């Protein structure tokens, strides 16, 4: 059985858990999210996307 979850949902759950259980302040999570949006407009966006896709492929066990 295959379960498909969007990465943004998984990251949202991790963020909620960090705020709830690790005591991370909400403003820190917001700043990190904003940093991600700003980073997506730089030349680093391509390598970050490629690396995250490769990591997901490794976890899923797909070897195309």
C-alpha atoms as a PDB file:
ATOM      1  CA  UNK A   1       0.000   0.000   0.000  1.00  0.00           C
ATOM      2  CA  UNK A   2       1.388   3.375  -1.003  1.00  0.00           C
ATOM      3  CA  UNK A   3       0.651   6.485   1.021  1.00  0.00           C
ATOM      4  CA  UNK A   4       1.384   9.818  -0.617  1.00  0.00           C
ATOM      5  CA  UNK A   5       1.846  12.906   1.553  1.00  0.00           C
ATOM      6  CA  UNK A   6       2.891  16.330   0.348  1.00  0.00           C
ATOM      7  CA  UNK A   7       6.270  17.387   1.738  1.00  0.00           C
ATOM      8  CA  UNK A   8       4.780  20.665   2.974  1.00  0.00           C
ATOM      9  CA  UNK A   9       2.321  18.675   5.131  1.00  0.00           C
ATOM     10  CA  UNK A  10       5.129  16.614   6.646  1.00  0.00           C
ATOM     11  CA  UNK A  11       7.169  19.750   7.350  1.00  0.00           C
ATOM     12  CA  UNK A  12       4.098  21.385   8.873  1.00  0.00           C
ATOM     13  CA  UNK A  13       3.625  18.462  11.248  1.00  0.00           C
ATOM     14  CA  UNK A  14       7.308  18.605  12.213  1.00  0.00           C
ATOM     15  CA  UNK A  15       7.004  22.344  12.831  1.00  0.00           C
ATOM     16  CA  UNK A  16       3.885  21.889  14.960  1.00  0.00           C
ATOM     17  CA  UNK A  17       5.622  19.181  16.990  1.00  0.00           C
ATOM     18  CA  UNK A  18       8.696  21.392  17.486  1.00  0.00           C
ATOM     19  CA  UNK A  19       6.533  24.248  18.731  1.00  0.00           C
ATOM     20  CA  UNK A  20       4.410  21.991  20.939  1.00  0.00           C
ATOM     21  CA  UNK A  21       6.993  19.633  22.426  1.00  0.00           C
ATOM     22  CA  UNK A  22      10.408  21.293  22.020  1.00  0.00           C
ATOM     23  CA  UNK A  23       9.313  24.756  23.066  1.00  0.00           C
ATOM     24  CA  UNK A  24      10.327  26.445  19.813  1.00  0.00           C
ATOM     25  CA  UNK A  25       8.708  29.866  19.719  1.00  0.00           C
ATOM     26  CA  UNK A  26       6.223  30.599  16.948  1.00  0.00           C
ATOM     27  CA  UNK A  27       8.157  33.639  15.715  1.00  0.00           C
ATOM     28  CA  UNK A  28      11.239  31.436  15.171  1.00  0.00           C
ATOM     29  CA  UNK A  29       9.200  29.068  12.988  1.00  0.00           C
ATOM     30  CA  UNK A  30       7.854  32.039  11.022  1.00  0.00           C
ATOM     31  CA  UNK A  31      11.358  33.444  10.480  1.00  0.00           C
ATOM     32  CA  UNK A  32      12.578  30.045   9.261  1.00  0.00           C
ATOM     33  CA  UNK A  33       9.638  29.813   6.845  1.00  0.00           C
ATOM     34  CA  UNK A  34      10.325  33.325   5.528  1.00  0.00           C
ATOM     35  CA  UNK A  35      13.980  32.427   5.085  1.00  0.00           C
ATOM     36  CA  UNK A  36      12.869  29.494   2.937  1.00  0.00           C
ATOM     37  CA  UNK A  37      10.783  31.782   0.734  1.00  0.00           C
ATOM     38  CA  UNK A  38      13.668  34.236   0.342  1.00  0.00           C
ATOM     39  CA  UNK A  39      16.090  31.393  -0.368  1.00  0.00           C
ATOM     40  CA  UNK A  40      13.826  30.094  -3.137  1.00  0.00           C
ATOM     41  CA  UNK A  41      14.554  33.263  -5.116  1.00  0.00           C
ATOM     42  CA  UNK A  42      18.335  32.700  -5.130  1.00  0.00           C
ATOM     43  CA  UNK A  43      20.661  30.547  -7.202  1.00  0.00           C
ATOM     44  CA  UNK A  44      20.602  27.947  -4.405  1.00  0.00           C
ATOM     45  CA  UNK A  45      16.970  26.994  -5.093  1.00  0.00           C
ATOM     46  CA  UNK A  46      17.854  24.509  -7.857  1.00  0.00           C
ATOM     47  CA  UNK A  47      20.452  22.532  -5.899  1.00  0.00           C
ATOM     48  CA  UNK A  48      18.215  22.487  -2.801  1.00  0.00           C
ATOM     49  CA  UNK A  49      15.283  21.113  -4.810  1.00  0.00           C
ATOM     50  CA  UNK A  50      17.491  18.549  -6.525  1.00  0.00           C
ATOM     51  CA  UNK A  51      18.979  17.451  -3.217  1.00  0.00           C
ATOM     52  CA  UNK A  52      15.599  17.130  -1.533  1.00  0.00           C
ATOM     53  CA  UNK A  53      14.253  15.092  -4.459  1.00  0.00           C
ATOM     54  CA  UNK A  54      17.297  12.816  -4.283  1.00  0.00           C
ATOM     55  CA  UNK A  55      16.795  12.392  -0.547  1.00  0.00           C
ATOM     56  CA  UNK A  56      13.151  11.482  -1.003  1.00  0.00           C
ATOM     57  CA  UNK A  57      14.121   8.984  -3.727  1.00  0.00           C
ATOM     58  CA  UNK A  58      16.663   7.395  -1.386  1.00  0.00           C
ATOM     59  CA  UNK A  59      14.072   7.093   1.381  1.00  0.00           C
ATOM     60  CA  UNK A  60      11.458   5.705  -1.003  1.00  0.00           C
ATOM     61  CA  UNK A  61      13.936   3.312  -2.572  1.00  0.00           C
ATOM     62  CA  UNK A  62      13.406   4.453  -6.159  1.00  0.00           C
ATOM     63  CA  UNK A  63      16.437   4.153  -8.385  1.00  0.00           C
ATOM     64  CA  UNK A  64      15.583   5.624 -11.775  1.00  0.00           C
END
